[in-house]
Amino acid sequence: MRTPILRLLVLLGISLLMGGCGTTTTVLRGDDVTVLDLKRKNTYCNSVPRVYSGVVYDLCVLHGPPNSASDLSLNGIPWVILDVPVSAVLDTLVLPYTIYRQSADGSIELR
């Protein structure tokens, strides 16, 4: 009985340690890093809006060829599925900044 609880705690801890990788990539890094990373993952997305960009980034990684989201998986679950809720929370916290950046700079264009 302790094993499922332990697994759940480990998954929760890892997802919190990732700290919203999508949000970190799109908000704290340069646009060129985001573009190169999504191109490397062969995503089908053409642009990423800055508002809720971490969630959109994660969905773009999922919206790619099979196995493009499998850089890190936990028991067969791609990391982005675990990252979406964390990114959603962090995206909400940085919403005033991303709204400003969206109006000033527009979306992050990939193509």
Protein backbone atom coordinates (compact mmCIF):
# COMPACT_ATOMS: atom_id res chain seq x y z
CA MET A 1 0.00 0.00 0.00
CA ARG A 2 2.89 2.37 0.61
CA THR A 3 4.28 1.91 -2.91
CA PRO A 4 1.44 3.70 -4.80
CA ILE A 5 1.53 6.58 -2.32
CA LEU A 6 5.30 6.79 -2.61
CA ARG A 7 5.09 6.81 -6.42
CA LEU A 8 2.49 9.55 -6.30
CA LEU A 9 4.67 11.64 -3.98
CA VAL A 10 7.70 11.14 -6.21
CA LEU A 11 5.72 12.17 -9.31
CA LEU A 12 4.36 15.21 -7.49
CA GLY A 13 7.83 16.17 -6.28
CA ILE A 14 9.34 15.83 -9.74
CA SER A 15 6.57 17.88 -11.31
CA LEU A 16 7.10 20.63 -8.73
CA LEU A 17 10.86 20.51 -9.25
CA MET A 18 10.37 20.97 -12.96
CA GLY A 19 8.75 24.22 -11.94
CA GLY A 20 6.67 24.70 -15.03
CA CYS A 21 9.30 23.96 -17.65
CA GLY A 22 7.03 25.33 -20.38
CA THR A 23 6.62 28.61 -18.54
CA THR A 24 10.33 28.78 -17.75
CA THR A 25 11.21 28.24 -21.39
CA THR A 26 8.79 30.78 -22.81
CA VAL A 27 8.86 33.53 -20.18
CA LEU A 28 12.35 33.49 -18.68
CA ARG A 29 14.37 32.54 -21.75
CA GLY A 30 14.74 34.34 -25.05
CA ASP A 31 12.37 33.76 -27.93
CA ASP A 32 15.20 32.19 -29.94
CA VAL A 33 15.57 29.44 -27.30
CA THR A 34 11.85 28.68 -27.44
CA VAL A 35 11.87 28.58 -31.24
CA LEU A 36 14.92 26.31 -31.42
CA ASP A 37 13.55 23.99 -28.76
CA LEU A 38 10.17 23.58 -30.45
CA LYS A 39 11.80 23.11 -33.86
CA ARG A 40 14.05 20.43 -32.38
CA LYS A 41 10.92 18.65 -31.13
CA ASN A 42 9.39 18.86 -34.65
CA THR A 43 6.20 20.49 -33.43
CA TYR A 44 3.43 21.36 -35.86
CA CYS A 45 2.74 24.70 -34.14
CA ASN A 46 3.39 27.91 -36.08
CA SER A 47 3.35 30.34 -33.16
CA VAL A 48 3.06 30.50 -29.39
CA PRO A 49 1.04 33.32 -27.82
CA ARG A 50 2.73 34.85 -24.80
CA VAL A 51 -0.41 34.66 -22.64
CA TYR A 52 -0.40 31.18 -21.08
CA SER A 53 2.66 30.42 -23.18
CA GLY A 54 3.86 27.64 -20.87
CA VAL A 55 0.68 25.64 -21.38
CA VAL A 56 0.72 26.33 -25.12
CA TYR A 57 4.38 25.28 -25.26
CA ASP A 58 3.52 21.97 -23.57
CA LEU A 59 0.59 21.40 -25.93
CA CYS A 60 2.83 22.17 -28.91
CA VAL A 61 5.30 19.54 -27.71
CA LEU A 62 2.43 17.07 -27.47
CA HIS A 63 1.21 18.14 -30.93
CA GLY A 64 4.16 16.72 -32.78
CA PRO A 65 5.25 13.46 -34.32
CA PRO A 66 5.05 10.38 -32.11
CA ASN A 67 7.87 10.19 -29.56
CA SER A 68 8.75 13.89 -29.94
CA ALA A 69 7.55 14.49 -26.37
CA SER A 70 9.44 11.57 -24.87
CA ASP A 71 12.63 13.36 -23.79
CA LEU A 72 11.65 12.45 -20.26
CA SER A 73 8.90 10.08 -19.28
CA LEU A 74 7.80 8.64 -15.98
CA ASN A 75 6.35 5.16 -16.30
CA GLY A 76 5.47 5.91 -19.92
CA ILE A 77 3.82 9.27 -19.17
CA PRO A 78 5.47 12.14 -21.08
CA TRP A 79 6.70 14.91 -18.79
CA VAL A 80 4.57 17.51 -20.54
CA ILE A 81 1.36 15.95 -19.25
CA LEU A 82 2.66 16.46 -15.71
CA ASP A 83 3.94 19.93 -16.58
CA VAL A 84 0.68 21.36 -17.94
CA PRO A 85 -0.98 21.99 -14.53
CA VAL A 86 2.21 23.44 -13.05
CA SER A 87 2.68 25.68 -16.08
CA ALA A 88 -0.97 26.78 -15.85
CA VAL A 89 -0.45 27.97 -12.28
CA LEU A 90 2.81 29.75 -13.10
CA ASP A 91 1.31 31.27 -16.26
CA THR A 92 -1.50 32.69 -14.15
CA LEU A 93 1.00 34.25 -11.75
CA VAL A 94 2.90 35.98 -14.58
CA LEU A 95 -0.25 36.98 -16.47
CA PRO A 96 0.21 40.77 -16.12
CA TYR A 97 3.72 40.52 -17.58
CA THR A 98 2.71 38.21 -20.44
CA ILE A 99 -0.28 40.38 -21.37
CA TYR A 100 2.10 43.34 -21.64
CA ARG A 101 4.61 41.32 -23.72
CA GLN A 102 1.83 40.04 -26.00
CA SER A 103 0.65 43.58 -26.71
CA ALA A 104 4.20 44.91 -27.14
CA ASP A 105 5.91 42.05 -29.00
CA GLY A 106 3.15 39.77 -30.29
CA SER A 107 3.33 35.99 -30.36
CA ILE A 108 6.49 33.92 -30.63
CA GLU A 109 6.63 32.97 -34.32
CA LEU A 110 8.16 29.57 -35.10
CA ARG A 111 8.09 29.59 -38.88
